[in-house]
Amino acid sequence: MRVYLFIAAIAGGATFLLTPLIRHLAIQIGAVGKVRARDVHTIPTPRMGGLAMMLGFAVAMLFASHIPFVSGLFQNSHQAWVVLAGAVAICLLGMADDLWDLDWMLKMAGQLLIAVFVAWGGLQIISLPIGSLFAASPTLSIAITAFLIVVSINAVNFVDGLDGLASGIVAIGGIAFAIYSYIIARSSPSYASMATLIDVAMVGICVGFILHNWHPAKLFMGDSGSMLLGYLITCASIIMTGRLDPASIHTSIYLPVFMPILLPVLVLFLPVLDMCMAIVRRLRKGQSPMHPDRMHLHHRMLKIGHSVQGAVLILWGWAALISFGSIMILFFPARFVAIGFAMAVVLLTVATMYPYLKHRIPELRAENARLEAARRAAAAGGPKASDGDGDGASAGVGTGDKAGASD
């Protein structure tokens, strides 16, 4: 574990130190995000922070290749170098978008080409840890792998709308995934794990970058960063998927077999949910799936009254609940996990809705008070209107005249 923590520190430190240099470079070459209608920031801000993150990841991987505990991962397989080459390629594609705002179809074509290259290079989902389910052919395996990479890349890209949001969500999910993959890897004679290595390096670059990206951000990660994070977390999950043999696991602990599939989905639950909602919303309006708007989850949080920092922290909380809740069930009694999960859901729901309720509850109280006053007035005026004496009738007429005059 100390080795992994050291690698995370190397990645984070390198990213933190490189980010100011990349910010200066972004300003010099014109990679500065203009303020658009859908943006939350109000002043032009440099982007392309993903370059610092990619360099931090590369530095960590190069350091790791010389550390005895994990050096075998680089010597016995070319998998690490394929992942690193793909990271460089996806970051360069994102940098091009940060500079020139590429058409979404061109950008997706580039993502697909890089994903196919990575899959063709050996990073593939050949079998799923469900019974004996295998990909029917190498072509199908490459297609499934490329599809998952492209979906994850765009899911993280969609949620990157507030300072620190995407990097925080991915860091939280990466920590949960690293803990799980580390525990699973310890069951083997040589428990160095490429999935864990990628996860800890990814967490490191996220933390190193957040220190510059917290609101108000000095630099945005841009597509070069959001696409890189989606790519890395998918690579780790693909590697982890092929690490377990379902036949060797007793049915009483069969749940861990599904976790390499479930955990990446749960880690990226918020980004994927946001992406699916956006696509459906835009298609129903007859718009392109990539048409920008201000209806993402983080925009909705701001709309009901949260500050940028508050919205980010609450969305981090939801990400932590989903990510860590999914692995806690492997190590603790299900009933205790369920109770804790339910309590956390209640607390996060209250925190999420607090600004809305803060304004809505007084409005409801005032409305109820008006209704109660009207009911009492009606109850007090009712018997007088029903009396048979002249005074009651004249009082009723007088009241009606006043009411008419006020109208």
Protein backbone atom coordinates (compact mmCIF):
# COMPACT_ATOMS: atom_id res chain seq x y z
CA MET A 1 0.00 0.00 0.00
CA ARG A 2 2.89 2.38 0.75
CA VAL A 3 4.12 2.01 -2.83
CA TYR A 4 0.71 2.98 -4.21
CA LEU A 5 0.48 5.98 -1.88
CA PHE A 6 3.94 7.06 -3.03
CA ILE A 7 2.89 6.80 -6.69
CA ALA A 8 -0.26 8.83 -5.97
CA ALA A 9 1.89 11.47 -4.26
CA ILE A 10 4.26 11.59 -7.25
CA ALA A 11 1.31 12.03 -9.64
CA GLY A 12 -0.29 14.70 -7.47
CA GLY A 13 2.92 16.59 -6.85
CA ALA A 14 3.91 16.60 -10.52
CA THR A 15 0.44 17.79 -11.56
CA PHE A 16 0.37 20.50 -8.91
CA LEU A 17 3.78 21.85 -9.97
CA LEU A 18 3.09 21.64 -13.71
CA THR A 19 -0.35 23.28 -13.63
CA PRO A 20 0.90 26.91 -13.31
CA LEU A 21 3.26 26.32 -16.24
CA ILE A 22 0.43 24.89 -18.35
CA ARG A 23 -1.78 27.82 -17.38
CA HIS A 24 0.86 30.21 -18.69
CA LEU A 25 1.17 28.15 -21.88
CA ALA A 26 -2.62 28.13 -22.36
CA ILE A 27 -2.73 31.92 -22.15
CA GLN A 28 0.15 32.26 -24.59
CA ILE A 29 -1.39 30.03 -27.28
CA GLY A 30 -4.94 31.30 -26.82
CA ALA A 31 -6.50 28.30 -25.07
CA VAL A 32 -8.77 30.56 -23.03
CA GLY A 33 -12.42 29.68 -22.59
CA LYS A 34 -14.77 32.47 -23.60
CA VAL A 35 -17.83 33.08 -21.45
CA ARG A 36 -20.76 31.35 -23.14
CA ALA A 37 -24.46 31.44 -22.31
CA ARG A 38 -24.31 28.01 -20.66
CA ASP A 39 -21.20 28.74 -18.57
CA VAL A 40 -21.17 29.40 -14.85
CA HIS A 41 -17.93 31.39 -14.83
CA THR A 42 -18.16 35.09 -15.65
CA ILE A 43 -14.60 35.89 -16.79
CA PRO A 44 -12.52 34.22 -19.52
CA THR A 45 -10.42 31.45 -17.94
CA PRO A 46 -7.53 29.45 -19.40
CA ARG A 47 -8.26 25.80 -20.07
CA MET A 48 -6.15 22.83 -21.21
CA GLY A 49 -5.36 21.79 -17.63
CA GLY A 50 -5.63 18.21 -18.84
CA LEU A 51 -2.11 18.56 -20.25
CA ALA A 52 -0.74 19.01 -16.72
CA MET A 53 -2.77 16.00 -15.58
CA MET A 54 -1.53 13.83 -18.44
CA LEU A 55 2.09 14.81 -17.76
CA GLY A 56 1.58 14.09 -14.06
CA PHE A 57 0.18 10.67 -14.93
CA ALA A 58 3.11 9.97 -17.28
CA VAL A 59 5.65 10.98 -14.62
CA ALA A 60 4.00 8.67 -12.08
CA MET A 61 3.95 5.75 -14.51
CA LEU A 62 7.61 6.25 -15.43
CA PHE A 63 8.54 6.35 -11.74
CA ALA A 64 6.48 3.21 -11.14
CA SER A 65 8.30 1.34 -13.92
CA HIS A 66 11.49 1.58 -11.80
CA ILE A 67 9.92 0.57 -8.47
CA PRO A 68 10.59 -3.15 -7.81
CA PHE A 69 7.11 -3.90 -6.44
CA VAL A 70 5.31 -2.86 -9.64
CA SER A 71 8.11 -2.86 -12.24
CA GLY A 72 7.07 -6.35 -13.35
CA LEU A 73 3.82 -4.90 -14.68
CA PHE A 74 5.87 -2.98 -17.24
CA GLN A 75 8.33 -5.77 -18.05
CA ASN A 76 5.95 -8.68 -18.48
CA SER A 77 3.29 -6.90 -20.51
CA HIS A 78 2.95 -3.97 -22.88
CA GLN A 79 -0.44 -3.11 -21.33
CA ALA A 80 0.93 -0.17 -19.33
CA TRP A 81 2.50 1.40 -22.40
CA VAL A 82 -0.72 0.99 -24.39
CA VAL A 83 -2.63 2.78 -21.63
CA LEU A 84 -0.03 5.56 -21.54
CA ALA A 85 -0.02 5.95 -25.34
CA GLY A 86 -3.82 6.17 -25.33
CA ALA A 87 -3.69 8.76 -22.54
CA VAL A 88 -1.33 10.93 -24.60
CA ALA A 89 -3.54 10.58 -27.70
CA ILE A 90 -6.81 11.37 -25.92
CA CYS A 91 -5.21 14.37 -24.20
CA LEU A 92 -3.94 15.71 -27.54
CA LEU A 93 -7.43 15.36 -29.00
CA GLY A 94 -8.84 17.25 -26.03
CA MET A 95 -6.20 19.95 -26.42
CA ALA A 96 -7.25 20.42 -30.04
CA ASP A 97 -10.83 20.91 -28.84
CA ASP A 98 -9.71 23.32 -26.12
CA LEU A 99 -7.94 25.37 -28.78
CA TRP A 100 -10.31 25.22 -31.73
CA ASP A 101 -13.71 23.94 -30.44
CA LEU A 102 -13.89 20.92 -32.72
CA ASP A 103 -17.19 19.80 -34.21
CA TRP A 104 -18.69 17.15 -31.95
CA MET A 105 -18.80 14.52 -34.70
CA LEU A 106 -15.10 15.02 -35.48
CA LYS A 107 -14.26 14.82 -31.79
CA MET A 108 -16.25 11.63 -31.32
CA ALA A 109 -14.61 10.10 -34.40
CA GLY A 110 -11.23 10.84 -32.82
CA GLN A 111 -12.34 9.28 -29.53
CA LEU A 112 -13.49 6.17 -31.35
CA LEU A 113 -10.23 5.82 -33.27
CA ILE A 114 -8.19 6.10 -30.07
CA ALA A 115 -10.45 3.62 -28.28
CA VAL A 116 -10.11 1.12 -31.13
CA PHE A 117 -6.33 1.58 -31.10
CA VAL A 118 -6.19 0.88 -27.36
CA ALA A 119 -8.42 -2.19 -27.72
CA TRP A 120 -6.41 -3.43 -30.70
CA GLY A 121 -3.27 -2.95 -28.59
CA GLY A 122 -4.49 -5.57 -26.15
CA LEU A 123 -6.68 -3.72 -23.66
CA GLN A 124 -9.90 -5.61 -24.31
CA ILE A 125 -12.90 -7.09 -22.58
CA ILE A 126 -12.50 -10.67 -23.74
CA SER A 127 -14.72 -12.27 -21.13
CA LEU A 128 -17.16 -11.08 -18.54
CA PRO A 129 -17.02 -12.50 -15.02
CA ILE A 130 -20.53 -13.90 -15.32
CA GLY A 131 -20.56 -17.64 -15.74
CA SER A 132 -18.73 -18.43 -18.98
CA LEU A 133 -19.75 -15.41 -21.02
CA PHE A 134 -17.14 -14.60 -23.67
CA ALA A 135 -17.01 -12.17 -26.56
CA ALA A 136 -17.90 -14.13 -29.68
CA SER A 137 -14.97 -12.77 -31.69
CA PRO A 138 -11.98 -10.43 -31.43
CA THR A 139 -13.91 -7.88 -33.48
CA LEU A 140 -16.81 -7.93 -31.00
CA SER A 141 -14.37 -7.64 -28.10
CA ILE A 142 -12.76 -4.56 -29.66
CA ALA A 143 -16.18 -3.05 -30.40
CA ILE A 144 -17.43 -3.53 -26.81
CA THR A 145 -14.22 -2.13 -25.36
CA ALA A 146 -14.23 0.90 -27.67
CA PHE A 147 -17.90 1.59 -26.88
CA LEU A 148 -17.27 1.58 -23.12
CA ILE A 149 -14.28 3.88 -23.45
CA VAL A 150 -16.17 6.40 -25.59
CA VAL A 151 -19.21 6.38 -23.25
CA SER A 152 -17.05 6.97 -20.16
CA ILE A 153 -15.05 9.72 -21.87
CA ASN A 154 -18.21 11.63 -22.73
CA ALA A 155 -19.89 10.97 -19.37
CA VAL A 156 -17.08 12.70 -17.49
CA ASN A 157 -16.99 15.43 -20.12
CA PHE A 158 -20.71 16.14 -19.61
CA VAL A 159 -20.39 16.55 -15.85
CA ASP A 160 -17.39 18.89 -16.05
CA GLY A 161 -19.36 22.08 -15.52
CA LEU A 162 -18.33 23.43 -12.11
CA ASP A 163 -14.92 24.12 -10.61
CA GLY A 164 -13.56 20.90 -9.10
CA LEU A 165 -16.65 18.82 -9.86
CA ALA A 166 -15.39 16.30 -12.43
CA SER A 167 -11.96 15.85 -10.87
CA GLY A 168 -13.51 15.37 -7.43
CA ILE A 169 -16.07 12.81 -8.58
CA VAL A 170 -13.44 10.82 -10.47
CA ALA A 171 -11.01 11.03 -7.52
CA ILE A 172 -13.66 9.71 -5.12
CA GLY A 173 -14.59 6.90 -7.48
CA GLY A 174 -10.92 6.17 -8.11
CA ILE A 175 -10.22 5.80 -4.39
CA ALA A 176 -13.10 3.34 -4.00
CA PHE A 177 -12.00 1.41 -7.08
CA ALA A 178 -8.35 1.36 -5.92
CA ILE A 179 -9.34 -0.04 -2.51
CA TYR A 180 -11.41 -2.77 -4.15
CA SER A 181 -8.80 -3.72 -6.76
CA TYR A 182 -6.05 -3.72 -4.12
CA ILE A 183 -7.99 -6.08 -1.86
CA ILE A 184 -8.81 -8.39 -4.76
CA ALA A 185 -5.19 -8.38 -5.96
CA ARG A 186 -3.92 -9.38 -2.50
CA SER A 187 -5.53 -12.79 -2.99
CA SER A 188 -2.96 -13.61 -5.69
CA PRO A 189 0.71 -14.56 -5.05
CA SER A 190 2.00 -11.39 -6.74
CA TYR A 191 -0.48 -8.71 -5.81
CA ALA A 192 0.90 -5.86 -7.86
CA SER A 193 -2.05 -4.72 -9.95
CA MET A 194 -2.09 -2.54 -13.06
CA ALA A 195 -5.70 -1.54 -12.30
CA THR A 196 -4.72 -0.30 -8.83
CA LEU A 197 -1.67 1.46 -10.25
CA ILE A 198 -3.76 3.36 -12.81
CA ASP A 199 -6.35 4.23 -10.17
CA VAL A 200 -3.91 5.66 -7.64
CA ALA A 201 -2.08 7.69 -10.30
CA MET A 202 -5.44 8.99 -11.53
CA VAL A 203 -6.47 9.97 -7.99
CA GLY A 204 -3.14 11.74 -7.58
CA ILE A 205 -3.52 13.88 -10.69
CA CYS A 206 -7.10 14.77 -9.69
CA VAL A 207 -6.06 15.94 -6.23
CA GLY A 208 -3.06 17.85 -7.59
CA PHE A 209 -5.27 19.63 -10.09
CA ILE A 210 -8.18 20.41 -7.72
CA LEU A 211 -5.86 22.63 -5.68
CA HIS A 212 -5.71 24.96 -8.70
CA ASN A 213 -9.23 24.26 -9.95
CA TRP A 214 -11.25 25.01 -6.79
CA HIS A 215 -13.67 27.91 -7.15
CA PRO A 216 -12.75 30.43 -8.40
CA ALA A 217 -10.64 28.30 -10.72
CA LYS A 218 -7.31 29.55 -12.01
CA LEU A 219 -7.41 26.99 -14.82
CA PHE A 220 -10.02 24.64 -16.30
CA MET A 221 -9.13 21.06 -17.14
CA GLY A 222 -10.93 21.42 -20.47
CA ASP A 223 -11.74 18.49 -22.70
CA SER A 224 -8.09 17.47 -22.50
CA GLY A 225 -8.66 16.70 -18.82
CA SER A 226 -12.23 15.43 -18.69
CA MET A 227 -11.69 13.01 -21.58
CA LEU A 228 -8.43 11.82 -20.01
CA LEU A 229 -10.15 11.00 -16.70
CA GLY A 230 -12.98 9.11 -18.40
CA TYR A 231 -10.42 7.16 -20.41
CA LEU A 232 -8.26 6.23 -17.41
CA ILE A 233 -11.05 5.01 -15.16
CA THR A 234 -12.38 2.83 -17.98
CA CYS A 235 -8.94 1.36 -18.67
CA ALA A 236 -8.61 0.40 -15.01
CA SER A 237 -12.03 -1.26 -15.01
CA ILE A 238 -11.31 -3.18 -18.23
CA ILE A 239 -8.07 -4.51 -16.77
CA MET A 240 -9.85 -5.43 -13.54
CA THR A 241 -12.62 -7.25 -15.40
CA GLY A 242 -10.24 -9.89 -16.66
CA ARG A 243 -8.58 -10.48 -13.30
CA LEU A 244 -11.19 -12.74 -11.70
CA ASP A 245 -12.10 -16.32 -12.50
CA PRO A 246 -15.75 -16.91 -11.54
CA ALA A 247 -15.24 -20.68 -11.41
CA SER A 248 -12.76 -20.27 -8.57
CA ILE A 249 -15.10 -18.23 -6.36
CA HIS A 250 -17.58 -19.87 -4.04
CA THR A 251 -21.22 -18.93 -4.61
CA SER A 252 -21.50 -17.56 -1.07
CA ILE A 253 -19.18 -14.74 -2.08
CA TYR A 254 -20.28 -14.51 -5.71
CA LEU A 255 -21.00 -10.80 -5.47
CA PRO A 256 -17.32 -9.84 -5.85
CA VAL A 257 -17.38 -11.46 -9.28
CA PHE A 258 -19.79 -8.83 -10.53
CA MET A 259 -17.99 -5.87 -9.00
CA PRO A 260 -15.50 -5.28 -11.85
CA ILE A 261 -18.56 -4.59 -14.00
CA LEU A 262 -20.76 -2.89 -11.41
CA LEU A 263 -18.19 -0.66 -9.72
CA PRO A 264 -17.18 1.40 -12.79
CA VAL A 265 -20.87 1.89 -13.56
CA LEU A 266 -21.55 2.99 -9.99
CA VAL A 267 -18.46 5.20 -9.85
CA LEU A 268 -19.62 6.97 -13.00
CA PHE A 269 -23.29 6.84 -12.02
CA LEU A 270 -23.75 10.62 -11.72
CA PRO A 271 -21.89 11.47 -14.95
CA VAL A 272 -23.68 8.72 -16.89
CA LEU A 273 -27.07 9.73 -15.44
CA ASP A 274 -26.43 13.36 -16.36
CA MET A 275 -25.34 12.35 -19.87
CA CYS A 276 -28.39 10.13 -20.46
CA MET A 277 -30.78 12.82 -19.20
CA ALA A 278 -29.11 15.41 -21.45
CA ILE A 279 -29.28 13.19 -24.55
CA VAL A 280 -32.96 12.33 -24.00
CA ARG A 281 -33.82 15.97 -23.24
CA ARG A 282 -32.13 17.23 -26.40
CA LEU A 283 -33.49 14.54 -28.69
CA ARG A 284 -37.03 15.27 -27.47
CA LYS A 285 -36.49 18.89 -28.49
CA GLY A 286 -35.19 17.82 -31.89
CA GLN A 287 -31.67 18.98 -31.04
CA SER A 288 -28.29 17.32 -31.46
CA PRO A 289 -27.32 15.09 -28.48
CA MET A 290 -24.27 17.32 -28.06
CA HIS A 291 -26.22 20.61 -28.16
CA PRO A 292 -25.18 22.62 -25.07
CA ASP A 293 -27.72 23.78 -22.48
CA ARG A 294 -28.03 24.80 -18.84
CA MET A 295 -30.05 21.83 -17.64
CA HIS A 296 -27.27 19.59 -16.31
CA LEU A 297 -27.47 18.37 -12.72
CA HIS A 298 -25.00 21.00 -11.54
CA HIS A 299 -26.97 23.75 -13.29
CA ARG A 300 -30.12 22.58 -11.50
CA MET A 301 -28.28 22.71 -8.17
CA LEU A 302 -27.32 26.32 -8.79
CA LYS A 303 -30.85 27.16 -9.92
CA ILE A 304 -32.41 26.11 -6.62
CA GLY A 305 -29.99 28.30 -4.69
CA HIS A 306 -26.72 26.46 -4.02
CA SER A 307 -23.39 28.20 -4.30
CA VAL A 308 -20.81 26.71 -6.66
CA GLN A 309 -18.83 25.27 -3.75
CA GLY A 310 -21.96 23.94 -2.06
CA ALA A 311 -23.21 22.23 -5.21
CA VAL A 312 -19.82 20.62 -5.80
CA LEU A 313 -19.52 19.33 -2.24
CA ILE A 314 -23.01 17.84 -2.28
CA LEU A 315 -22.43 16.13 -5.63
CA TRP A 316 -19.16 14.80 -4.23
CA GLY A 317 -21.18 13.44 -1.32
CA TRP A 318 -23.54 11.58 -3.66
CA ALA A 319 -20.56 10.19 -5.58
CA ALA A 320 -18.93 9.01 -2.34
CA LEU A 321 -22.15 7.39 -1.15
CA ILE A 322 -22.60 5.43 -4.36
CA SER A 323 -18.92 4.50 -4.78
CA PHE A 324 -18.08 3.49 -1.22
CA GLY A 325 -21.53 2.05 -0.53
CA SER A 326 -21.00 -0.39 -3.38
CA ILE A 327 -17.78 -1.81 -1.91
CA MET A 328 -18.82 -1.71 1.76
CA ILE A 329 -21.43 -4.37 1.10
CA LEU A 330 -18.56 -6.77 0.32
CA PHE A 331 -17.01 -6.39 3.77
CA PHE A 332 -19.85 -5.57 6.18
CA PRO A 333 -23.24 -7.15 6.96
CA ALA A 334 -25.81 -6.10 4.38
CA ARG A 335 -28.33 -4.86 6.96
CA PHE A 336 -25.81 -2.45 8.51
CA VAL A 337 -24.77 -1.18 5.09
CA ALA A 338 -28.44 -0.71 4.15
CA ILE A 339 -29.15 1.27 7.33
CA GLY A 340 -26.11 3.48 6.85
CA PHE A 341 -26.91 3.95 3.17
CA ALA A 342 -30.51 4.97 3.95
CA MET A 343 -29.38 7.47 6.59
CA ALA A 344 -26.85 8.97 4.18
CA VAL A 345 -29.49 9.25 1.45
CA VAL A 346 -31.77 11.17 3.82
CA LEU A 347 -28.99 13.54 4.89
CA LEU A 348 -27.84 14.18 1.32
CA THR A 349 -31.41 14.68 0.13
CA VAL A 350 -32.00 17.30 2.83
CA ALA A 351 -28.69 18.98 1.96
CA THR A 352 -29.56 18.93 -1.74
CA MET A 353 -33.02 20.43 -1.27
CA TYR A 354 -32.16 22.79 1.61
CA PRO A 355 -31.99 26.07 -0.38
CA TYR A 356 -35.30 25.28 -2.06
CA LEU A 357 -36.96 24.29 1.21
CA LYS A 358 -35.47 27.32 2.98
CA HIS A 359 -37.47 29.62 0.71
CA ARG A 360 -40.42 27.36 0.01
CA ILE A 361 -41.37 26.54 3.62
CA PRO A 362 -41.91 30.22 4.64
CA GLU A 363 -43.96 30.70 1.47
CA LEU A 364 -46.12 27.71 2.36
CA ARG A 365 -46.53 28.97 5.93
CA ALA A 366 -47.57 32.41 4.69
CA GLU A 367 -50.01 30.85 2.25
CA ASN A 368 -51.48 28.65 4.98
CA ALA A 369 -51.79 31.70 7.24
CA ARG A 370 -53.70 33.58 4.53
CA LEU A 371 -56.01 30.62 3.98
CA GLU A 372 -56.58 30.27 7.72
CA ALA A 373 -57.38 34.00 8.02
CA ALA A 374 -59.80 33.77 5.12
CA ARG A 375 -61.46 30.72 6.67
CA ARG A 376 -61.88 32.50 10.02
CA ALA A 377 -63.25 35.61 8.31
CA ALA A 378 -65.74 33.48 6.41
CA ALA A 379 -66.73 31.67 9.60
CA ALA A 380 -67.18 34.98 11.46
CA GLY A 381 -69.23 36.56 8.66
CA GLY A 382 -71.41 33.53 7.98
CA PRO A 383 -73.90 33.76 10.92
CA LYS A 384 -74.43 37.51 10.38
CA ALA A 385 -75.39 36.97 6.78
CA SER A 386 -77.92 34.32 7.80
CA ASP A 387 -79.67 36.42 10.51
CA GLY A 388 -83.18 37.53 9.68
CA ASP A 389 -82.99 41.03 11.22
CA GLY A 390 -82.46 44.12 9.16
CA ASP A 391 -79.13 44.94 10.79
CA GLY A 392 -77.67 41.66 9.58
CA ALA A 393 -78.91 42.28 6.06
CA SER A 394 -77.63 45.83 5.97
CA ALA A 395 -74.29 44.65 7.35
CA GLY A 396 -74.07 42.08 4.59
CA VAL A 397 -74.87 44.68 1.94
CA GLY A 398 -72.37 47.11 3.41
CA THR A 399 -69.67 44.49 3.40
CA GLY A 400 -70.45 43.62 -0.17
CA ASP A 401 -70.29 47.28 -1.20
CA LYS A 402 -66.89 47.68 0.43
CA ALA A 403 -65.65 44.56 -1.21
CA GLY A 404 -66.89 45.78 -4.55
CA ALA A 405 -65.25 49.15 -4.01
CA SER A 406 -61.94 47.56 -3.14
CA ASP A 407 -62.08 45.55 -6.34
